[in-house]
Amino acid sequence: MKNDIKNVIVERLNTLSDTQLLDALQSAVQTERQSTAALVAHIAEVDARRLYLERAKPSMFSYCVDVLKLSEQAAYLRIHAARLTRRYPAALAGLAARRLHLTAMKLDGPQMTEENSEAVLERVSGKSRRAIEQKLACLFPREDAPSQLRRLPAKRGHDRAVREVQPGAELSGAGPSRSELSSHAPSTIEPVSFSVVTPRERTRSESSRSE
């Protein structure tokens, strides 16, 4: 049955001219947006009534994935949009009229309030994701994160060596301490004189000893 429907659609599209095909694509997009808006409105009402509990599902997300067979990402975006439209009905009208898309509703939702909802929806209307992110960054700038200093992880055995050998620390059991060494050290160092003995003088000295 599904293959028959697919073949019918393909055969009909093959008969269209280029202009007719582009017009048909625009119409399909409009129909898809209206269908998405209708789906979001249905999800919002089912979520508000908590009807998913009657189907033994713990959440609306689980119902959308397990019963409606939506992907996790599709379920998340539509549930987020559904809850947003219950708070701000103008968002549903924007979705049906192709002025908003699901990603736009996800991005601007956290910034919307009762006072600024209409202004925010107007500013992001018809914009791409990147343009919306830039627009929201200008409207709601974030404070710079405070600078933080983090201790770098030491190499294995390095911390132990640092703990055992600190600059200026005494080494217990490794010999006399620094104070002990300094107490036995001479206060002055006498110069040492050296004499040079030539081989001839060495021979004469050895001869005199033998006599």
N, C-alpha and C. Protein backbone atom coordinates (compact mmCIF):
# COMPACT_ATOMS: atom_id res chain seq x y z
N MET A 1 0.83 -1.20 0.00
CA MET A 1 0.00 0.00 0.00
C MET A 1 0.87 1.27 0.00
N LYS A 2 1.92 1.26 0.86
CA LYS A 2 2.81 2.41 0.93
C LYS A 2 3.55 2.59 -0.39
N ASN A 3 3.97 1.50 -1.00
CA ASN A 3 4.67 1.59 -2.27
C ASN A 3 3.75 2.13 -3.36
N ASP A 4 2.47 1.77 -3.32
CA ASP A 4 1.52 2.28 -4.32
C ASP A 4 1.37 3.80 -4.20
N ILE A 5 1.26 4.27 -2.94
CA ILE A 5 1.13 5.72 -2.73
C ILE A 5 2.39 6.44 -3.19
N LYS A 6 3.54 5.86 -2.89
CA LYS A 6 4.81 6.46 -3.31
C LYS A 6 4.90 6.53 -4.82
N ASN A 7 4.50 5.48 -5.49
CA ASN A 7 4.57 5.47 -6.95
C ASN A 7 3.63 6.50 -7.56
N VAL A 8 2.46 6.67 -6.96
CA VAL A 8 1.52 7.65 -7.47
C VAL A 8 2.07 9.06 -7.35
N ILE A 9 2.70 9.36 -6.19
CA ILE A 9 3.26 10.70 -5.98
C ILE A 9 4.41 10.96 -6.96
N VAL A 10 5.29 9.98 -7.12
CA VAL A 10 6.42 10.15 -8.03
C VAL A 10 5.94 10.33 -9.46
N GLU A 11 4.98 9.53 -9.87
CA GLU A 11 4.46 9.66 -11.23
C GLU A 11 3.82 11.02 -11.47
N ARG A 12 3.14 11.54 -10.45
CA ARG A 12 2.50 12.84 -10.62
C ARG A 12 3.55 13.95 -10.70
N LEU A 13 4.61 13.83 -9.88
CA LEU A 13 5.66 14.85 -9.91
C LEU A 13 6.42 14.83 -11.23
N ASN A 14 6.56 13.65 -11.82
CA ASN A 14 7.29 13.57 -13.10
C ASN A 14 6.58 14.29 -14.22
N THR A 15 5.29 14.50 -14.08
CA THR A 15 4.52 15.17 -15.14
C THR A 15 4.54 16.70 -15.00
N LEU A 16 5.07 17.20 -13.91
CA LEU A 16 5.05 18.65 -13.68
C LEU A 16 6.22 19.32 -14.38
N SER A 17 5.98 20.53 -14.80
CA SER A 17 7.06 21.35 -15.34
C SER A 17 7.91 21.89 -14.19
N ASP A 18 9.02 22.54 -14.52
CA ASP A 18 9.89 23.08 -13.48
C ASP A 18 9.16 24.10 -12.62
N THR A 19 8.42 24.98 -13.25
CA THR A 19 7.69 26.00 -12.50
C THR A 19 6.62 25.36 -11.63
N GLN A 20 5.90 24.41 -12.18
CA GLN A 20 4.86 23.74 -11.41
C GLN A 20 5.44 22.96 -10.23
N LEU A 21 6.62 22.37 -10.44
CA LEU A 21 7.25 21.61 -9.37
C LEU A 21 7.67 22.53 -8.22
N LEU A 22 8.23 23.69 -8.54
CA LEU A 22 8.61 24.64 -7.50
C LEU A 22 7.40 25.16 -6.75
N ASP A 23 6.32 25.43 -7.46
CA ASP A 23 5.09 25.87 -6.80
C ASP A 23 4.53 24.77 -5.89
N ALA A 24 4.61 23.52 -6.36
CA ALA A 24 4.12 22.41 -5.56
C ALA A 24 4.96 22.22 -4.30
N LEU A 25 6.27 22.48 -4.42
CA LEU A 25 7.14 22.38 -3.25
C LEU A 25 6.79 23.43 -2.21
N GLN A 26 6.54 24.66 -2.66
CA GLN A 26 6.12 25.71 -1.73
C GLN A 26 4.82 25.33 -1.02
N SER A 27 3.91 24.77 -1.77
CA SER A 27 2.63 24.35 -1.18
C SER A 27 2.83 23.23 -0.16
N ALA A 28 3.75 22.31 -0.49
CA ALA A 28 4.01 21.21 0.44
C ALA A 28 4.63 21.72 1.74
N VAL A 29 5.50 22.73 1.63
CA VAL A 29 6.11 23.31 2.83
C VAL A 29 5.04 23.98 3.69
N GLN A 30 4.15 24.70 3.05
CA GLN A 30 3.07 25.35 3.80
C GLN A 30 2.19 24.32 4.49
N THR A 31 1.88 23.25 3.78
CA THR A 31 1.06 22.19 4.37
C THR A 31 1.78 21.53 5.54
N GLU A 32 3.10 21.33 5.37
CA GLU A 32 3.88 20.71 6.45
C GLU A 32 3.91 21.60 7.68
N ARG A 33 4.05 22.91 7.49
CA ARG A 33 4.07 23.82 8.63
C ARG A 33 2.73 23.84 9.33
N GLN A 34 1.66 23.84 8.57
CA GLN A 34 0.33 23.83 9.19
C GLN A 34 0.10 22.51 9.93
N SER A 35 0.59 21.42 9.36
CA SER A 35 0.47 20.13 10.05
C SER A 35 1.30 20.12 11.33
N THR A 36 2.49 20.72 11.27
CA THR A 36 3.33 20.80 12.46
C THR A 36 2.66 21.64 13.54
N ALA A 37 2.06 22.76 13.14
CA ALA A 37 1.36 23.60 14.10
C ALA A 37 0.19 22.84 14.74
N ALA A 38 -0.54 22.07 13.92
CA ALA A 38 -1.65 21.28 14.45
C ALA A 38 -1.15 20.21 15.41
N LEU A 39 -0.02 19.56 15.06
CA LEU A 39 0.56 18.54 15.94
C LEU A 39 1.01 19.16 17.25
N VAL A 40 1.64 20.32 17.19
CA VAL A 40 2.09 21.00 18.41
C VAL A 40 0.90 21.36 19.29
N ALA A 41 -0.18 21.83 18.68
CA ALA A 41 -1.37 22.18 19.46
C ALA A 41 -1.97 20.95 20.13
N HIS A 42 -2.00 19.81 19.42
CA HIS A 42 -2.52 18.58 20.01
C HIS A 42 -1.63 18.11 21.17
N ILE A 43 -0.32 18.18 20.97
CA ILE A 43 0.61 17.78 22.04
C ILE A 43 0.42 18.68 23.27
N ALA A 44 0.22 19.96 23.04
CA ALA A 44 0.04 20.88 24.16
C ALA A 44 -1.19 20.52 24.98
N GLU A 45 -2.27 20.16 24.32
CA GLU A 45 -3.51 19.82 25.04
C GLU A 45 -3.40 18.47 25.76
N VAL A 46 -2.81 17.49 25.08
CA VAL A 46 -2.61 16.19 25.72
C VAL A 46 -1.67 16.32 26.92
N ASP A 47 -0.64 17.15 26.76
CA ASP A 47 0.31 17.36 27.86
C ASP A 47 -0.37 18.04 29.03
N ALA A 48 -1.21 19.03 28.76
CA ALA A 48 -1.90 19.74 29.83
C ALA A 48 -2.86 18.82 30.58
N ARG A 49 -3.51 17.91 29.89
CA ARG A 49 -4.44 16.98 30.53
C ARG A 49 -3.74 15.75 31.11
N ARG A 50 -2.45 15.63 30.81
CA ARG A 50 -1.67 14.48 31.29
C ARG A 50 -2.29 13.15 30.86
N LEU A 51 -2.77 13.13 29.63
CA LEU A 51 -3.42 11.92 29.12
C LEU A 51 -2.43 10.80 28.85
N TYR A 52 -1.16 11.11 28.79
CA TYR A 52 -0.16 10.05 28.58
C TYR A 52 -0.14 9.06 29.73
N LEU A 53 -0.60 9.51 30.91
CA LEU A 53 -0.65 8.58 32.05
C LEU A 53 -1.66 7.46 31.81
N GLU A 54 -2.71 7.76 31.06
CA GLU A 54 -3.72 6.73 30.77
C GLU A 54 -3.18 5.65 29.83
N ARG A 55 -2.08 5.95 29.17
CA ARG A 55 -1.43 4.96 28.31
C ARG A 55 -0.18 4.38 28.99
N ALA A 56 -0.14 4.53 30.30
CA ALA A 56 0.93 3.96 31.12
C ALA A 56 2.30 4.51 30.72
N LYS A 57 2.33 5.79 30.36
CA LYS A 57 3.59 6.44 30.04
C LYS A 57 3.90 7.50 31.09
N PRO A 58 5.14 7.55 31.57
CA PRO A 58 5.45 8.47 32.67
C PRO A 58 5.56 9.93 32.26
N SER A 59 5.70 10.21 30.98
CA SER A 59 5.87 11.59 30.53
C SER A 59 5.37 11.75 29.12
N MET A 60 5.19 13.01 28.73
CA MET A 60 4.78 13.30 27.36
C MET A 60 5.87 12.92 26.39
N PHE A 61 7.11 13.07 26.79
CA PHE A 61 8.23 12.67 25.94
C PHE A 61 8.17 11.18 25.64
N SER A 62 7.98 10.38 26.66
CA SER A 62 7.90 8.93 26.46
C SER A 62 6.72 8.57 25.56
N TYR A 63 5.61 9.27 25.72
CA TYR A 63 4.44 9.00 24.87
C TYR A 63 4.74 9.32 23.41
N CYS A 64 5.41 10.45 23.18
CA CYS A 64 5.72 10.84 21.81
C CYS A 64 6.67 9.85 21.14
N VAL A 65 7.63 9.35 21.90
CA VAL A 65 8.62 8.44 21.32
C VAL A 65 8.06 7.03 21.17
N ASP A 66 7.40 6.51 22.20
CA ASP A 66 6.96 5.11 22.20
C ASP A 66 5.64 4.90 21.48
N VAL A 67 4.73 5.85 21.59
CA VAL A 67 3.40 5.68 21.00
C VAL A 67 3.30 6.38 19.64
N LEU A 68 3.71 7.64 19.60
CA LEU A 68 3.63 8.38 18.33
C LEU A 68 4.79 8.08 17.40
N LYS A 69 5.82 7.39 17.90
CA LYS A 69 6.98 6.97 17.09
C LYS A 69 7.76 8.16 16.52
N LEU A 70 7.83 9.22 17.30
CA LEU A 70 8.69 10.34 16.92
C LEU A 70 10.12 10.06 17.40
N SER A 71 11.07 10.64 16.72
CA SER A 71 12.45 10.52 17.19
C SER A 71 12.61 11.36 18.46
N GLU A 72 13.67 11.10 19.20
CA GLU A 72 13.90 11.84 20.44
C GLU A 72 14.01 13.33 20.18
N GLN A 73 14.74 13.70 19.14
CA GLN A 73 14.91 15.12 18.83
C GLN A 73 13.60 15.75 18.39
N ALA A 74 12.84 15.05 17.56
CA ALA A 74 11.56 15.58 17.10
C ALA A 74 10.59 15.74 18.27
N ALA A 75 10.59 14.77 19.17
CA ALA A 75 9.71 14.84 20.33
C ALA A 75 10.09 16.02 21.23
N TYR A 76 11.39 16.18 21.44
CA TYR A 76 11.85 17.27 22.31
C TYR A 76 11.44 18.64 21.75
N LEU A 77 11.69 18.86 20.47
CA LEU A 77 11.37 20.16 19.87
C LEU A 77 9.87 20.44 19.90
N ARG A 78 9.06 19.45 19.62
CA ARG A 78 7.61 19.66 19.56
C ARG A 78 7.01 19.84 20.95
N ILE A 79 7.51 19.12 21.92
CA ILE A 79 7.00 19.31 23.28
C ILE A 79 7.40 20.69 23.80
N HIS A 80 8.63 21.09 23.53
CA HIS A 80 9.07 22.43 23.95
C HIS A 80 8.21 23.50 23.29
N ALA A 81 7.94 23.34 21.99
CA ALA A 81 7.10 24.31 21.29
C ALA A 81 5.67 24.29 21.84
N ALA A 82 5.17 23.10 22.15
CA ALA A 82 3.80 22.99 22.66
C ALA A 82 3.65 23.73 23.98
N ARG A 83 4.59 23.56 24.88
CA ARG A 83 4.50 24.25 26.17
C ARG A 83 4.70 25.75 26.02
N LEU A 84 5.50 26.15 25.05
CA LEU A 84 5.69 27.58 24.79
C LEU A 84 4.41 28.21 24.25
N THR A 85 3.73 27.50 23.36
CA THR A 85 2.51 28.06 22.77
C THR A 85 1.38 28.17 23.79
N ARG A 86 1.38 27.35 24.81
CA ARG A 86 0.35 27.49 25.84
C ARG A 86 0.58 28.76 26.66
N ARG A 87 1.81 29.16 26.81
CA ARG A 87 2.10 30.40 27.54
C ARG A 87 1.98 31.62 26.64
N TYR A 88 2.38 31.46 25.37
CA TYR A 88 2.36 32.56 24.42
C TYR A 88 1.67 32.09 23.15
N PRO A 89 0.35 32.23 23.05
CA PRO A 89 -0.39 31.73 21.87
C PRO A 89 0.08 32.32 20.55
N ALA A 90 0.69 33.50 20.57
CA ALA A 90 1.15 34.10 19.32
C ALA A 90 2.23 33.24 18.66
N ALA A 91 2.94 32.45 19.45
CA ALA A 91 3.98 31.60 18.87
C ALA A 91 3.36 30.53 17.98
N LEU A 92 2.20 30.02 18.34
CA LEU A 92 1.55 29.01 17.50
C LEU A 92 1.11 29.61 16.17
N ALA A 93 0.61 30.82 16.21
CA ALA A 93 0.22 31.49 14.97
C ALA A 93 1.44 31.73 14.09
N GLY A 94 2.56 32.10 14.69
CA GLY A 94 3.78 32.30 13.92
C GLY A 94 4.29 31.02 13.31
N LEU A 95 4.14 29.91 14.02
CA LEU A 95 4.57 28.61 13.48
C LEU A 95 3.70 28.21 12.29
N ALA A 96 2.39 28.39 12.40
CA ALA A 96 1.49 28.03 11.30
C ALA A 96 1.69 28.93 10.09
N ALA A 97 2.07 30.17 10.31
CA ALA A 97 2.24 31.12 9.21
C ALA A 97 3.66 31.11 8.63
N ARG A 98 4.51 30.17 9.09
CA ARG A 98 5.88 30.02 8.59
C ARG A 98 6.78 31.18 8.99
N ARG A 99 6.37 31.96 9.98
CA ARG A 99 7.25 33.01 10.48
C ARG A 99 8.23 32.49 11.52
N LEU A 100 7.86 31.38 12.14
CA LEU A 100 8.71 30.75 13.14
C LEU A 100 8.90 29.28 12.79
N HIS A 101 10.04 28.74 13.22
CA HIS A 101 10.25 27.31 13.11
C HIS A 101 10.54 26.75 14.50
N LEU A 102 10.57 25.45 14.61
CA LEU A 102 10.70 24.82 15.92
C LEU A 102 12.01 25.20 16.61
N THR A 103 13.09 25.30 15.83
CA THR A 103 14.38 25.67 16.42
C THR A 103 14.34 27.09 16.97
N ALA A 104 13.67 27.99 16.25
CA ALA A 104 13.54 29.37 16.74
C ALA A 104 12.79 29.41 18.05
N MET A 105 11.76 28.60 18.17
CA MET A 105 10.99 28.57 19.41
C MET A 105 11.82 28.02 20.56
N LYS A 106 12.71 27.09 20.27
CA LYS A 106 13.58 26.55 21.31
C LYS A 106 14.59 27.60 21.78
N LEU A 107 15.11 28.39 20.83
CA LEU A 107 16.14 29.37 21.17
C LEU A 107 15.58 30.57 21.92
N ASP A 108 14.44 31.10 21.47
CA ASP A 108 13.95 32.32 22.10
C ASP A 108 13.05 32.06 23.30
N GLY A 109 12.63 30.80 23.50
CA GLY A 109 11.76 30.50 24.63
C GLY A 109 12.30 30.92 25.97
N PRO A 110 13.57 30.58 26.31
CA PRO A 110 14.08 30.95 27.63
C PRO A 110 14.16 32.45 27.89
N GLN A 111 14.17 33.26 26.83
CA GLN A 111 14.29 34.71 27.00
C GLN A 111 12.93 35.41 27.05
N MET A 112 11.88 34.69 26.76
CA MET A 112 10.57 35.33 26.64
C MET A 112 9.88 35.47 27.99
N THR A 113 9.20 36.59 28.15
CA THR A 113 8.37 36.86 29.32
C THR A 113 7.03 37.41 28.86
N GLU A 114 6.14 37.61 29.79
CA GLU A 114 4.84 38.18 29.43
C GLU A 114 5.00 39.57 28.83
N GLU A 115 6.02 40.30 29.28
CA GLU A 115 6.19 41.67 28.82
C GLU A 115 6.87 41.76 27.45
N ASN A 116 7.81 40.86 27.16
CA ASN A 116 8.60 41.01 25.93
C ASN A 116 8.29 39.95 24.87
N SER A 117 7.32 39.08 25.11
CA SER A 117 7.09 37.95 24.19
C SER A 117 6.81 38.41 22.77
N GLU A 118 5.95 39.40 22.61
CA GLU A 118 5.61 39.86 21.26
C GLU A 118 6.82 40.49 20.57
N ALA A 119 7.61 41.24 21.32
CA ALA A 119 8.78 41.88 20.73
C ALA A 119 9.82 40.84 20.33
N VAL A 120 10.02 39.83 21.16
CA VAL A 120 11.00 38.79 20.84
C VAL A 120 10.55 38.00 19.62
N LEU A 121 9.28 37.63 19.57
CA LEU A 121 8.77 36.88 18.41
C LEU A 121 8.90 37.68 17.13
N GLU A 122 8.70 38.98 17.22
CA GLU A 122 8.79 39.83 16.04
C GLU A 122 10.24 39.92 15.55
N ARG A 123 11.18 39.98 16.48
CA ARG A 123 12.59 40.13 16.11
C ARG A 123 13.16 38.86 15.49
N VAL A 124 12.66 37.69 15.88
CA VAL A 124 13.21 36.44 15.36
C VAL A 124 12.36 35.88 14.22
N SER A 125 11.31 36.60 13.86
CA SER A 125 10.42 36.11 12.81
C SER A 125 11.15 36.01 11.47
N GLY A 126 11.07 34.84 10.84
CA GLY A 126 11.66 34.63 9.53
C GLY A 126 13.17 34.53 9.52
N LYS A 127 13.81 34.41 10.67
CA LYS A 127 15.27 34.37 10.74
C LYS A 127 15.77 32.92 10.82
N SER A 128 17.00 32.74 10.34
CA SER A 128 17.65 31.44 10.46
C SER A 128 18.17 31.26 11.88
N ARG A 129 18.63 30.06 12.18
CA ARG A 129 19.15 29.80 13.52
C ARG A 129 20.32 30.71 13.86
N ARG A 130 21.28 30.84 12.95
CA ARG A 130 22.44 31.67 13.22
C ARG A 130 22.04 33.12 13.44
N ALA A 131 21.12 33.61 12.61
CA ALA A 131 20.68 35.00 12.76
C ALA A 131 19.95 35.20 14.09
N ILE A 132 19.19 34.20 14.50
CA ILE A 132 18.47 34.30 15.78
C ILE A 132 19.45 34.32 16.94
N GLU A 133 20.47 33.46 16.88
CA GLU A 133 21.46 33.44 17.96
C GLU A 133 22.18 34.79 18.07
N GLN A 134 22.50 35.39 16.93
CA GLN A 134 23.16 36.69 16.96
C GLN A 134 22.22 37.77 17.50
N LYS A 135 20.96 37.70 17.09
CA LYS A 135 19.98 38.69 17.55
C LYS A 135 19.76 38.57 19.05
N LEU A 136 19.62 37.36 19.55
CA LEU A 136 19.40 37.17 20.98
C LEU A 136 20.63 37.56 21.79
N ALA A 137 21.82 37.34 21.22
CA ALA A 137 23.05 37.74 21.92
C ALA A 137 23.11 39.25 22.09
N CYS A 138 22.59 40.00 21.12
CA CYS A 138 22.56 41.46 21.23
C CYS A 138 21.47 41.92 22.21
N LEU A 139 20.33 41.25 22.18
CA LEU A 139 19.23 41.63 23.04
C LEU A 139 19.47 41.25 24.49
N PHE A 140 20.06 40.08 24.70
CA PHE A 140 20.26 39.56 26.05
C PHE A 140 21.73 39.15 26.21
N PRO A 141 22.63 40.12 26.30
CA PRO A 141 24.05 39.77 26.43
C PRO A 141 24.32 39.07 27.75
N ARG A 142 25.20 38.11 27.71
CA ARG A 142 25.57 37.37 28.91
C ARG A 142 26.78 38.02 29.56
N GLU A 143 26.82 37.95 30.89
CA GLU A 143 27.97 38.48 31.61
C GLU A 143 29.17 37.57 31.39
N ASP A 144 30.35 38.20 31.36
CA ASP A 144 31.57 37.42 31.19
C ASP A 144 31.78 36.52 32.39
N ALA A 145 32.18 35.31 32.12
CA ALA A 145 32.44 34.37 33.20
C ALA A 145 33.67 34.81 33.99
N PRO A 146 33.64 34.69 35.32
CA PRO A 146 34.81 35.10 36.11
C PRO A 146 36.01 34.23 35.82
N SER A 147 37.18 34.85 35.89
CA SER A 147 38.42 34.09 35.66
C SER A 147 38.64 33.10 36.78
N GLN A 148 39.15 31.96 36.44
CA GLN A 148 39.39 30.91 37.41
C GLN A 148 40.80 30.35 37.21
N LEU A 149 41.41 29.99 38.31
CA LEU A 149 42.72 29.34 38.28
C LEU A 149 42.52 27.89 38.69
N ARG A 150 42.99 27.01 37.87
CA ARG A 150 42.86 25.59 38.15
C ARG A 150 44.24 24.96 38.30
N ARG A 151 44.33 24.07 39.27
CA ARG A 151 45.58 23.37 39.48
C ARG A 151 45.72 22.27 38.44
N LEU A 152 46.84 22.27 37.75
CA LEU A 152 47.06 21.26 36.73
C LEU A 152 47.36 19.93 37.40
N PRO A 153 46.88 18.86 36.83
CA PRO A 153 47.17 17.54 37.41
C PRO A 153 48.66 17.24 37.34
N ALA A 154 49.22 16.84 38.49
CA ALA A 154 50.65 16.53 38.55
C ALA A 154 50.91 15.15 37.99
N LYS A 155 52.15 14.96 37.52
CA LYS A 155 52.53 13.65 37.01
C LYS A 155 52.59 12.65 38.16
N ARG A 156 52.44 11.40 37.82
CA ARG A 156 52.41 10.35 38.83
C ARG A 156 53.74 10.34 39.61
N GLY A 157 53.63 10.40 40.92
CA GLY A 157 54.80 10.38 41.78
C GLY A 157 55.37 11.76 42.06
N HIS A 158 54.90 12.78 41.29
CA HIS A 158 55.45 14.12 41.47
C HIS A 158 55.00 14.74 42.79
N ASP A 159 53.71 14.58 43.13
CA ASP A 159 53.20 15.15 44.37
C ASP A 159 53.91 14.57 45.57
N ARG A 160 54.17 13.26 45.53
CA ARG A 160 54.85 12.63 46.65
C ARG A 160 56.27 13.18 46.81
N ALA A 161 56.94 13.36 45.68
CA ALA A 161 58.30 13.91 45.75
C ALA A 161 58.29 15.32 46.28
N VAL A 162 57.29 16.11 45.90
CA VAL A 162 57.21 17.48 46.38
C VAL A 162 56.94 17.52 47.87
N ARG A 163 56.05 16.61 48.32
CA ARG A 163 55.74 16.57 49.74
C ARG A 163 56.94 16.13 50.57
N GLU A 164 57.74 15.19 50.04
CA GLU A 164 58.85 14.65 50.81
C GLU A 164 60.07 15.57 50.78
N VAL A 165 60.26 16.27 49.69
CA VAL A 165 61.43 17.14 49.55
C VAL A 165 60.95 18.55 49.25
N GLN A 166 60.84 19.38 50.26
CA GLN A 166 60.48 20.77 50.10
C GLN A 166 61.74 21.62 50.12
N PRO A 167 61.73 22.76 49.45
CA PRO A 167 62.91 23.63 49.48
C PRO A 167 63.25 24.04 50.90
N GLY A 168 64.51 23.81 51.31
CA GLY A 168 64.96 24.19 52.63
C GLY A 168 64.60 23.21 53.71
N ALA A 169 63.91 22.09 53.39
CA ALA A 169 63.49 21.14 54.40
C ALA A 169 64.63 20.20 54.72
N GLU A 170 64.64 19.65 55.98
CA GLU A 170 65.65 18.70 56.39
C GLU A 170 65.27 17.31 55.90
N LEU A 171 66.23 16.51 55.54
CA LEU A 171 66.00 15.14 55.11
C LEU A 171 66.28 14.22 56.28
N SER A 172 65.20 13.72 56.91
CA SER A 172 65.36 12.85 58.07
C SER A 172 65.91 11.52 57.63
N GLY A 173 66.93 11.01 58.40
CA GLY A 173 67.48 9.70 58.12
C GLY A 173 68.41 9.68 56.94
N ALA A 174 68.73 10.85 56.37
CA ALA A 174 69.58 10.87 55.18
C ALA A 174 70.95 11.45 55.48
N GLY A 175 71.36 11.55 56.77
CA GLY A 175 72.66 12.10 57.08
C GLY A 175 72.52 13.29 58.01
N PRO A 176 73.59 13.96 58.33
CA PRO A 176 73.53 15.11 59.24
C PRO A 176 72.74 16.25 58.63
N SER A 177 72.13 17.01 59.52
CA SER A 177 71.32 18.14 59.07
C SER A 177 72.22 19.28 58.61
N ARG A 178 71.60 20.29 58.04
CA ARG A 178 72.35 21.44 57.56
C ARG A 178 72.99 22.19 58.72
N SER A 179 72.28 22.28 59.86
CA SER A 179 72.84 22.98 61.02
C SER A 179 74.04 22.23 61.59
N GLU A 180 73.94 20.89 61.59
CA GLU A 180 75.06 20.10 62.08
C GLU A 180 76.29 20.26 61.19
N LEU A 181 76.07 20.26 59.91
CA LEU A 181 77.19 20.45 58.99
C LEU A 181 77.84 21.81 59.18
N SER A 182 77.01 22.84 59.35
CA SER A 182 77.57 24.18 59.51
C SER A 182 78.34 24.33 60.81
N SER A 183 77.93 23.59 61.89
CA SER A 183 78.62 23.70 63.17
C SER A 183 80.02 23.09 63.12
N HIS A 184 80.24 22.05 62.30
CA HIS A 184 81.54 21.39 62.19
C HIS A 184 82.41 21.99 61.08
N ALA A 185 81.85 22.87 60.34
CA ALA A 185 82.63 23.45 59.25
C ALA A 185 83.65 24.43 59.80
N PRO A 186 84.88 24.49 59.27
CA PRO A 186 85.89 25.45 59.75
C PRO A 186 85.50 26.86 59.41
N SER A 187 85.88 27.75 60.33
CA SER A 187 85.52 29.15 60.12
C SER A 187 86.32 29.75 58.99
N THR A 188 87.61 29.31 58.84
CA THR A 188 88.45 29.81 57.75
C THR A 188 89.08 28.64 57.02
N ILE A 189 89.45 28.87 55.84
CA ILE A 189 90.08 27.83 55.01
C ILE A 189 91.49 28.29 54.69
N GLU A 190 92.50 27.51 55.21
CA GLU A 190 93.89 27.86 54.96
C GLU A 190 94.27 27.52 53.53
N PRO A 191 95.09 28.35 52.89
CA PRO A 191 95.52 28.06 51.52
C PRO A 191 96.45 26.86 51.47
N VAL A 192 96.41 26.13 50.46
CA VAL A 192 97.24 24.94 50.27
C VAL A 192 98.29 25.26 49.22
N SER A 193 99.60 25.01 49.56
CA SER A 193 100.69 25.29 48.63
C SER A 193 101.14 24.01 47.96
N PHE A 194 101.54 24.11 46.76
CA PHE A 194 101.99 22.97 45.97
C PHE A 194 103.40 23.25 45.45
N SER A 195 104.24 22.20 45.39
CA SER A 195 105.59 22.32 44.80
C SER A 195 105.69 21.40 43.62
N VAL A 196 106.44 21.81 42.64
CA VAL A 196 106.61 21.03 41.42
C VAL A 196 107.94 20.33 41.46
N VAL A 197 107.96 19.02 41.33
CA VAL A 197 109.18 18.21 41.36
C VAL A 197 109.42 17.66 39.97
N THR A 198 110.60 17.95 39.44
CA THR A 198 110.95 17.46 38.11
C THR A 198 111.42 16.02 38.19
N PRO A 199 111.42 15.26 37.12
CA PRO A 199 111.91 13.87 37.13
C PRO A 199 113.33 13.75 37.62
N ARG A 200 114.26 14.70 37.28
CA ARG A 200 115.67 14.62 37.71
C ARG A 200 115.76 14.76 39.22
N GLU A 201 114.98 15.73 39.77
CA GLU A 201 115.01 15.92 41.22
C GLU A 201 114.44 14.71 41.93
N ARG A 202 113.43 14.06 41.32
CA ARG A 202 112.85 12.87 41.94
C ARG A 202 113.88 11.76 41.99
N THR A 203 114.69 11.64 40.91
CA THR A 203 115.72 10.58 40.90
C THR A 203 116.76 10.82 41.96
N ARG A 204 117.20 12.09 42.12
CA ARG A 204 118.20 12.40 43.13
C ARG A 204 117.67 12.11 44.53
N SER A 205 116.37 12.42 44.74
CA SER A 205 115.79 12.19 46.06
C SER A 205 115.73 10.71 46.39
N GLU A 206 115.38 9.91 45.40
CA GLU A 206 115.31 8.48 45.63
C GLU A 206 116.72 7.89 45.87
N SER A 207 117.74 8.45 45.19
CA SER A 207 119.11 7.95 45.37
C SER A 207 119.61 8.28 46.77
N SER A 208 119.31 9.47 47.25
CA SER A 208 119.76 9.85 48.58
C SER A 208 119.10 8.99 49.65
N ARG A 209 117.89 8.59 49.44
CA ARG A 209 117.21 7.74 50.40
C ARG A 209 117.82 6.36 50.45
N SER A 210 118.22 5.86 49.29
CA SER A 210 118.80 4.51 49.25
C SER A 210 120.15 4.46 49.92
N GLU A 211 120.90 5.57 49.91
CA GLU A 211 122.20 5.61 50.56
C GLU A 211 122.04 5.63 52.05
